[in-house]
Amino acid sequence: MSSIQHPVLIIGGSGVVGSQAAAMIRRLHPNLPLTIAGRDLAKAQAVAGKLGVEALAADLSKPDLGLPETARFSAVIVFVKDDWSHALRFAQRHGIPHLSVSSGAFEIGIEAARFIHAPQAAPVVLASQWLAGAALFPVLDYARAFSSIDNIHVGVLLDEHDMGGQAALADYERITQSGSATLTLKAGRFAWIAGEEAKARYRSVDGVELPATAYDPLDVLSLATATDAKDIRFDLAFDVSASRRAGEPFSTESVIAIEGVLRSGKRAKRSYEIVHPQGQAPLTALGVALATERALGLSGGEALKPGLYFPDSIIEPAYYIARMKEFGAVFTEANANG
């Protein structure tokens, strides 16, 4: 039973992914109080009513988020881009964890600056990795078989019918169009690539090749720090998933390739596939739920102390992957060479 008295504030919790994340948190921790918040109070109330939790109107453009002065919360989760950084400042004023999922690699300076100026105020979790960690944690787990890694390549497919709500679309358009270049790691050096260099091909799990482009959620930063790989690249295909080509509902796919020296001393290149038959939203919701429970000390250790965190610095990959499988993700070792 949760001993936390104040609710977790979920801003954007009435959206496609936010509502699933709220339901996921509710499923994992039925006694943890939640508050669904958004600009449209009626939509927030509709989601909150199904979960048996509270709903409030919230406005990110206001320093107090437009919330009642007496309102108290245990954490703040933000599913939409906070252009003002008001939600983070709100969390810092109240000394509670803040978790965000909408920033590209070129945008996190805003959150980092806010943390640097108040490092003892609150735990700040930057969870804008792909689907809040759904590719990152499998890579970290697979990487344990290697003593040294030359190359990590992650290709993901987002089905054209699986964008989600308006907030997700806004994030996609902003990250793909606002940034002039995409972050990669080449020969041990961080490099921003654009134009022809950013173009790629993605081989879907059914073997069909699709156009893709380099993309920069926070995975490259996390993986570069955790693995010491020499080359890291993350590509995104926004197209038709293999399941939909076969006449089934859309799915989401991740194809991971790691090349290096195994702990046995042999050189190897290994590839893996991860598919969720219900698309991206359940995996994003799960990632947010796991980061939230860890921040609050409901799993994996004590509640986080003030600091700046990536999810991979606070959650064990094996636990994350076990939860992914429990909630429907299918893992396959595509091939092993070496």
Protein backbone atom coordinates (compact mmCIF):
# COMPACT_ATOMS: atom_id res chain seq x y z
CA MET A 1 0.00 0.00 0.00
CA SER A 2 1.29 3.45 -0.90
CA SER A 3 2.08 5.73 2.05
CA ILE A 4 2.13 8.81 -0.19
CA GLN A 5 -0.60 11.25 0.81
CA HIS A 6 -0.52 13.88 -1.90
CA PRO A 7 -1.46 12.99 -5.49
CA VAL A 8 0.86 12.78 -8.47
CA LEU A 9 -0.06 15.65 -10.80
CA ILE A 10 -0.24 14.45 -14.42
CA ILE A 11 -0.34 17.44 -16.77
CA GLY A 12 -1.62 16.29 -20.13
CA GLY A 13 -3.10 13.25 -18.44
CA SER A 14 -6.24 13.39 -20.57
CA GLY A 15 -4.29 12.88 -23.81
CA VAL A 16 -3.78 9.59 -25.63
CA VAL A 17 -0.50 8.67 -23.93
CA GLY A 18 -1.06 10.60 -20.71
CA SER A 19 -4.33 8.81 -20.00
CA GLN A 20 -2.69 5.44 -20.58
CA ALA A 21 0.17 6.41 -18.28
CA ALA A 22 -2.31 7.38 -15.58
CA ALA A 23 -4.06 4.03 -15.98
CA MET A 24 -0.70 2.23 -15.90
CA ILE A 25 0.34 3.97 -12.69
CA ARG A 26 -3.06 3.16 -11.23
CA ARG A 27 -2.62 -0.49 -12.20
CA LEU A 28 0.85 -0.76 -10.68
CA HIS A 29 0.01 1.24 -7.56
CA PRO A 30 -3.78 1.25 -6.97
CA ASN A 31 -3.52 3.28 -3.77
CA LEU A 32 -1.30 6.03 -5.13
CA PRO A 33 -3.42 9.18 -5.45
CA LEU A 34 -3.44 10.89 -8.85
CA THR A 35 -4.71 14.17 -10.26
CA ILE A 36 -5.39 14.48 -14.00
CA ALA A 37 -4.79 18.02 -15.19
CA GLY A 38 -5.10 19.84 -18.50
CA ARG A 39 -6.39 22.92 -20.25
CA ASP A 40 -9.72 21.23 -20.95
CA LEU A 41 -11.23 20.42 -17.57
CA ALA A 42 -14.06 18.37 -19.09
CA LYS A 43 -11.57 16.04 -20.82
CA ALA A 44 -9.54 15.73 -17.63
CA GLN A 45 -12.68 14.91 -15.67
CA ALA A 46 -13.66 12.24 -18.18
CA VAL A 47 -10.36 10.42 -17.74
CA ALA A 48 -10.28 10.99 -13.99
CA GLY A 49 -13.80 9.64 -13.62
CA LYS A 50 -12.83 6.32 -15.21
CA LEU A 51 -9.90 5.97 -12.83
CA GLY A 52 -11.66 7.25 -9.73
CA VAL A 53 -9.23 10.13 -9.21
CA GLU A 54 -9.34 13.93 -9.08
CA ALA A 55 -9.25 16.31 -12.06
CA LEU A 56 -8.10 19.92 -12.23
CA ALA A 57 -7.70 22.57 -14.90
CA ALA A 58 -4.05 23.53 -15.47
CA ASP A 59 -2.37 26.22 -17.53
CA LEU A 60 1.36 25.90 -18.18
CA SER A 61 1.59 29.56 -19.18
CA LYS A 62 0.97 30.58 -15.55
CA PRO A 63 3.71 30.34 -12.89
CA ASP A 64 1.28 28.68 -10.48
CA LEU A 65 -0.04 26.46 -13.31
CA GLY A 66 -3.48 27.91 -12.66
CA LEU A 67 -3.89 25.49 -9.74
CA PRO A 68 -5.54 26.20 -6.38
CA GLU A 69 -3.10 27.83 -3.97
CA THR A 70 -3.75 25.14 -1.36
CA ALA A 71 -3.15 22.22 -3.75
CA ARG A 72 -0.28 19.90 -2.81
CA PHE A 73 1.26 17.12 -4.87
CA SER A 74 3.90 14.40 -4.51
CA ALA A 75 5.28 14.68 -8.07
CA VAL A 76 4.67 16.43 -11.38
CA ILE A 77 4.60 14.57 -14.72
CA VAL A 78 4.36 16.65 -17.89
CA PHE A 79 3.19 15.11 -21.17
CA VAL A 80 3.19 18.30 -23.21
CA LYS A 81 5.99 20.70 -24.06
CA ASP A 82 6.33 23.28 -21.30
CA ASP A 83 7.61 26.30 -23.19
CA TRP A 84 7.75 28.37 -20.00
CA SER A 85 9.39 25.78 -17.72
CA HIS A 86 6.72 26.67 -15.18
CA ALA A 87 5.99 23.05 -14.23
CA LEU A 88 9.64 22.43 -13.38
CA ARG A 89 9.80 25.60 -11.30
CA PHE A 90 6.55 24.59 -9.59
CA ALA A 91 8.08 21.22 -8.68
CA GLN A 92 11.24 22.90 -7.39
CA ARG A 93 9.29 25.33 -5.22
CA HIS A 94 7.49 22.41 -3.62
CA GLY A 95 10.52 20.10 -3.49
CA ILE A 96 8.85 17.29 -5.43
CA PRO A 97 10.03 15.16 -8.39
CA HIS A 98 9.51 16.49 -11.91
CA LEU A 99 9.40 14.17 -14.93
CA SER A 100 9.24 15.31 -18.56
CA VAL A 101 8.98 13.33 -21.80
CA SER A 102 8.82 15.89 -24.62
CA SER A 103 12.31 17.33 -25.12
CA GLY A 104 14.71 16.64 -27.96
CA ALA A 105 18.45 16.47 -27.33
CA PHE A 106 18.81 20.07 -28.54
CA GLU A 107 16.29 21.33 -25.95
CA ILE A 108 17.40 19.97 -22.60
CA GLY A 109 19.59 22.97 -21.83
CA ILE A 110 16.46 24.72 -20.55
CA GLU A 111 15.76 22.03 -17.97
CA ALA A 112 19.44 21.63 -17.11
CA ALA A 113 19.80 25.38 -16.51
CA ARG A 114 16.79 25.41 -14.23
CA PHE A 115 18.29 22.51 -12.26
CA ILE A 116 21.76 24.10 -12.08
CA HIS A 117 20.31 27.21 -10.47
CA ALA A 118 18.45 25.16 -7.84
CA PRO A 119 20.29 21.83 -7.52
CA GLN A 120 18.95 21.05 -4.04
CA ALA A 121 15.33 21.85 -4.80
CA ALA A 122 13.92 18.66 -6.32
CA PRO A 123 14.63 15.49 -8.30
CA VAL A 124 14.41 16.24 -12.03
CA VAL A 125 14.01 13.23 -14.33
CA LEU A 126 14.65 13.76 -18.05
CA ALA A 127 12.65 10.91 -19.58
CA SER A 128 12.52 12.06 -23.21
CA GLN A 129 14.21 8.92 -24.50
CA TRP A 130 12.30 7.06 -27.21
CA LEU A 131 8.98 5.98 -25.69
CA ALA A 132 10.39 6.90 -22.26
CA GLY A 133 13.05 4.17 -22.47
CA ALA A 134 11.50 1.37 -24.54
CA ALA A 135 14.58 1.12 -26.80
CA LEU A 136 17.18 2.40 -24.35
CA PHE A 137 16.76 -0.24 -21.66
CA PRO A 138 16.89 -3.23 -24.03
CA VAL A 139 20.09 -1.84 -25.57
CA LEU A 140 21.64 -1.50 -22.12
CA ASP A 141 20.66 -5.05 -21.25
CA TYR A 142 22.00 -6.51 -24.51
CA ALA A 143 25.20 -4.46 -24.16
CA ARG A 144 26.12 -6.38 -21.01
CA ALA A 145 27.25 -9.29 -23.20
CA PHE A 146 30.03 -7.12 -24.64
CA SER A 147 33.33 -6.13 -23.05
CA SER A 148 33.72 -3.29 -25.55
CA ILE A 149 31.32 -1.84 -28.13
CA ASP A 150 32.21 -0.32 -31.47
CA ASN A 151 28.76 0.46 -32.81
CA ILE A 152 25.18 0.76 -31.58
CA HIS A 153 22.44 1.36 -34.10
CA VAL A 154 18.81 1.73 -33.10
CA GLY A 155 16.10 1.89 -35.72
CA VAL A 156 12.51 2.46 -34.64
CA LEU A 157 9.27 2.53 -36.56
CA LEU A 158 6.30 4.68 -35.65
CA ASP A 159 3.28 3.68 -37.67
CA GLU A 160 1.56 6.52 -39.54
CA HIS A 161 -1.69 5.62 -37.72
CA ASP A 162 0.00 5.62 -34.31
CA MET A 163 1.02 9.23 -33.75
CA GLY A 164 -1.27 9.60 -30.75
CA GLY A 165 -2.77 12.97 -29.84
CA GLN A 166 -1.99 16.57 -30.70
CA ALA A 167 0.76 16.85 -28.08
CA ALA A 168 2.65 13.91 -29.57
CA LEU A 169 2.27 15.35 -33.06
CA ALA A 170 3.54 18.72 -31.86
CA ASP A 171 6.58 17.05 -30.28
CA TYR A 172 7.33 15.13 -33.48
CA GLU A 173 7.03 18.19 -35.69
CA ARG A 174 9.08 20.37 -33.36
CA ILE A 175 11.92 17.87 -32.94
CA THR A 176 12.10 16.97 -36.62
CA GLN A 177 11.68 20.51 -37.97
CA SER A 178 13.06 22.93 -35.36
CA GLY A 179 16.43 21.33 -34.80
CA SER A 180 18.88 22.10 -37.60
CA ALA A 181 20.77 18.83 -37.07
CA THR A 182 20.57 15.52 -35.21
CA LEU A 183 22.93 14.27 -32.53
CA THR A 184 24.99 11.13 -33.18
CA LEU A 185 28.27 9.69 -31.93
CA LYS A 186 30.93 9.10 -34.59
CA ALA A 187 34.36 7.65 -33.82
CA GLY A 188 33.93 8.62 -30.20
CA ARG A 189 33.01 12.24 -30.97
CA PHE A 190 29.56 13.77 -30.71
CA ALA A 191 28.47 15.00 -34.13
CA TRP A 192 25.39 16.83 -35.38
CA ILE A 193 24.31 15.58 -38.80
CA ALA A 194 21.81 16.95 -41.32
CA GLY A 195 20.72 16.69 -44.94
CA GLU A 196 21.85 13.62 -46.88
CA GLU A 197 23.93 12.37 -43.96
CA ALA A 198 20.81 12.16 -41.81
CA LYS A 199 18.92 10.00 -44.32
CA ALA A 200 18.77 6.26 -43.65
CA ARG A 201 17.01 3.01 -44.47
CA TYR A 202 15.08 1.03 -41.90
CA ARG A 203 14.53 -2.71 -42.33
CA SER A 204 11.20 -3.61 -40.76
CA VAL A 205 10.71 -6.84 -38.84
CA ASP A 206 9.15 -8.43 -41.95
CA GLY A 207 12.21 -7.54 -44.06
CA VAL A 208 10.69 -4.59 -45.92
CA GLU A 209 13.03 -1.59 -46.27
CA LEU A 210 11.61 1.86 -45.55
CA PRO A 211 13.01 5.41 -45.66
CA ALA A 212 14.15 6.74 -42.30
CA THR A 213 15.99 9.70 -40.87
CA ALA A 214 18.27 10.31 -37.93
CA TYR A 215 16.31 11.30 -34.83
CA ASP A 216 17.47 12.60 -31.48
CA PRO A 217 15.51 11.75 -28.41
CA LEU A 218 17.81 11.49 -25.40
CA ASP A 219 18.85 7.88 -26.14
CA VAL A 220 22.14 8.86 -27.79
CA LEU A 221 23.18 10.83 -24.69
CA SER A 222 22.19 8.01 -22.34
CA LEU A 223 23.87 5.31 -24.40
CA ALA A 224 27.07 7.26 -24.95
CA THR A 225 27.45 7.73 -21.22
CA ALA A 226 26.49 4.18 -20.23
CA THR A 227 28.33 2.11 -22.86
CA ASP A 228 31.40 4.00 -24.10
CA ALA A 229 30.47 2.88 -27.63
CA LYS A 230 32.45 4.56 -30.39
CA ASP A 231 29.53 5.03 -32.81
CA ILE A 232 25.86 5.51 -31.91
CA ARG A 233 23.03 6.41 -34.23
CA PHE A 234 19.27 6.47 -33.78
CA ASP A 235 16.98 6.41 -36.85
CA LEU A 236 13.22 6.82 -37.11
CA ALA A 237 10.91 5.52 -39.82
CA PHE A 238 7.43 7.04 -39.87
CA ASP A 239 5.64 4.59 -42.13
CA VAL A 240 3.50 1.44 -42.21
CA SER A 241 4.35 -1.20 -39.60
CA ALA A 242 4.80 -4.85 -40.56
CA SER A 243 1.62 -5.81 -38.73
CA ARG A 244 -0.46 -3.32 -40.69
CA ARG A 245 1.06 -4.52 -43.98
CA ALA A 246 -0.22 -7.96 -42.98
CA GLY A 247 -3.74 -6.61 -42.50
CA GLU A 248 -3.56 -6.37 -38.72
CA PRO A 249 -3.70 -3.31 -36.42
CA PHE A 250 -0.62 -1.09 -36.26
CA SER A 251 2.29 -1.96 -33.99
CA THR A 252 5.52 -0.25 -32.99
CA GLU A 253 8.95 -1.70 -33.72
CA SER A 254 12.53 -1.29 -32.49
CA VAL A 255 15.45 -2.96 -34.25
CA ILE A 256 18.73 -2.90 -32.34
CA ALA A 257 22.19 -3.80 -33.65
CA ILE A 258 25.30 -3.94 -31.47
CA GLU A 259 28.81 -4.67 -32.74
CA GLY A 260 31.91 -5.17 -30.62
CA VAL A 261 33.89 -7.66 -28.57
CA LEU A 262 32.00 -10.15 -26.41
CA ARG A 263 33.12 -10.96 -22.90
CA SER A 264 34.41 -14.25 -24.33
CA GLY A 265 36.88 -12.25 -26.42
CA LYS A 266 35.18 -12.93 -29.76
CA ARG A 267 34.10 -10.16 -32.09
CA ALA A 268 30.36 -10.20 -32.78
CA LYS A 269 27.46 -8.32 -34.29
CA ARG A 270 24.08 -9.05 -32.78
CA SER A 271 20.64 -7.82 -33.76
CA TYR A 272 17.40 -7.77 -31.83
CA GLU A 273 13.79 -6.87 -32.51
CA ILE A 274 11.14 -5.59 -30.13
CA VAL A 275 7.51 -5.24 -31.14
CA HIS A 276 4.50 -4.09 -29.20
CA PRO A 277 1.27 -5.08 -30.97
CA GLN A 278 -0.66 -2.11 -29.57
CA GLY A 279 1.74 0.57 -30.74
CA GLN A 280 3.77 3.21 -28.96
CA ALA A 281 1.36 4.47 -26.31
CA PRO A 282 1.47 1.45 -23.93
CA LEU A 283 5.27 1.46 -23.90
CA THR A 284 5.51 5.20 -23.28
CA ALA A 285 2.91 4.90 -20.53
CA LEU A 286 4.86 2.07 -18.93
CA GLY A 287 8.14 3.97 -19.06
CA VAL A 288 6.60 6.97 -17.35
CA ALA A 289 4.97 4.75 -14.72
CA LEU A 290 8.27 3.02 -13.93
CA ALA A 291 10.16 6.31 -13.65
CA THR A 292 7.43 7.72 -11.42
CA GLU A 293 7.37 4.78 -9.03
CA ARG A 294 11.17 4.92 -8.79
CA ALA A 295 11.18 8.67 -8.14
CA LEU A 296 8.69 8.24 -5.31
CA GLY A 297 10.51 5.27 -3.80
CA LEU A 298 7.70 2.82 -4.55
CA SER A 299 10.09 0.39 -6.29
CA GLY A 300 13.83 -0.10 -6.60
CA GLY A 301 14.97 1.89 -3.58
CA GLU A 302 14.30 4.99 -1.56
CA ALA A 303 12.67 8.09 -3.02
CA LEU A 304 15.06 10.11 -5.16
CA LYS A 305 17.02 12.88 -3.55
CA PRO A 306 17.31 16.23 -5.38
CA GLY A 307 19.35 15.73 -8.53
CA LEU A 308 19.27 15.54 -12.32
CA TYR A 309 18.50 12.05 -13.60
CA PHE A 310 18.03 9.98 -16.75
CA PRO A 311 15.74 6.94 -16.28
CA ASP A 312 18.68 4.59 -16.91
CA SER A 313 20.50 6.04 -13.91
CA ILE A 314 17.68 5.09 -11.55
CA ILE A 315 16.05 1.93 -13.00
CA GLU A 316 17.65 -1.49 -13.54
CA PRO A 317 17.37 -2.65 -17.18
CA ALA A 318 16.34 -6.19 -16.18
CA TYR A 319 13.40 -4.86 -14.18
CA TYR A 320 12.35 -2.52 -16.97
CA ILE A 321 12.48 -5.29 -19.58
CA ALA A 322 10.56 -7.71 -17.37
CA ARG A 323 7.80 -5.11 -17.11
CA MET A 324 7.87 -4.54 -20.89
CA LYS A 325 7.29 -8.24 -21.46
CA GLU A 326 4.62 -8.36 -18.78
CA PHE A 327 2.74 -5.59 -20.58
CA GLY A 328 2.89 -7.07 -24.06
CA ALA A 329 6.26 -6.36 -25.70
CA VAL A 330 7.68 -9.22 -27.77
CA PHE A 331 11.48 -9.67 -27.87
CA THR A 332 13.34 -11.58 -30.59
CA GLU A 333 17.06 -12.11 -31.23
CA ALA A 334 17.10 -11.54 -34.99
CA ASN A 335 20.59 -12.87 -35.66
CA ALA A 336 23.88 -13.49 -33.93
CA ASN A 337 27.24 -13.30 -35.67
CA GLY A 338 30.10 -14.37 -33.46
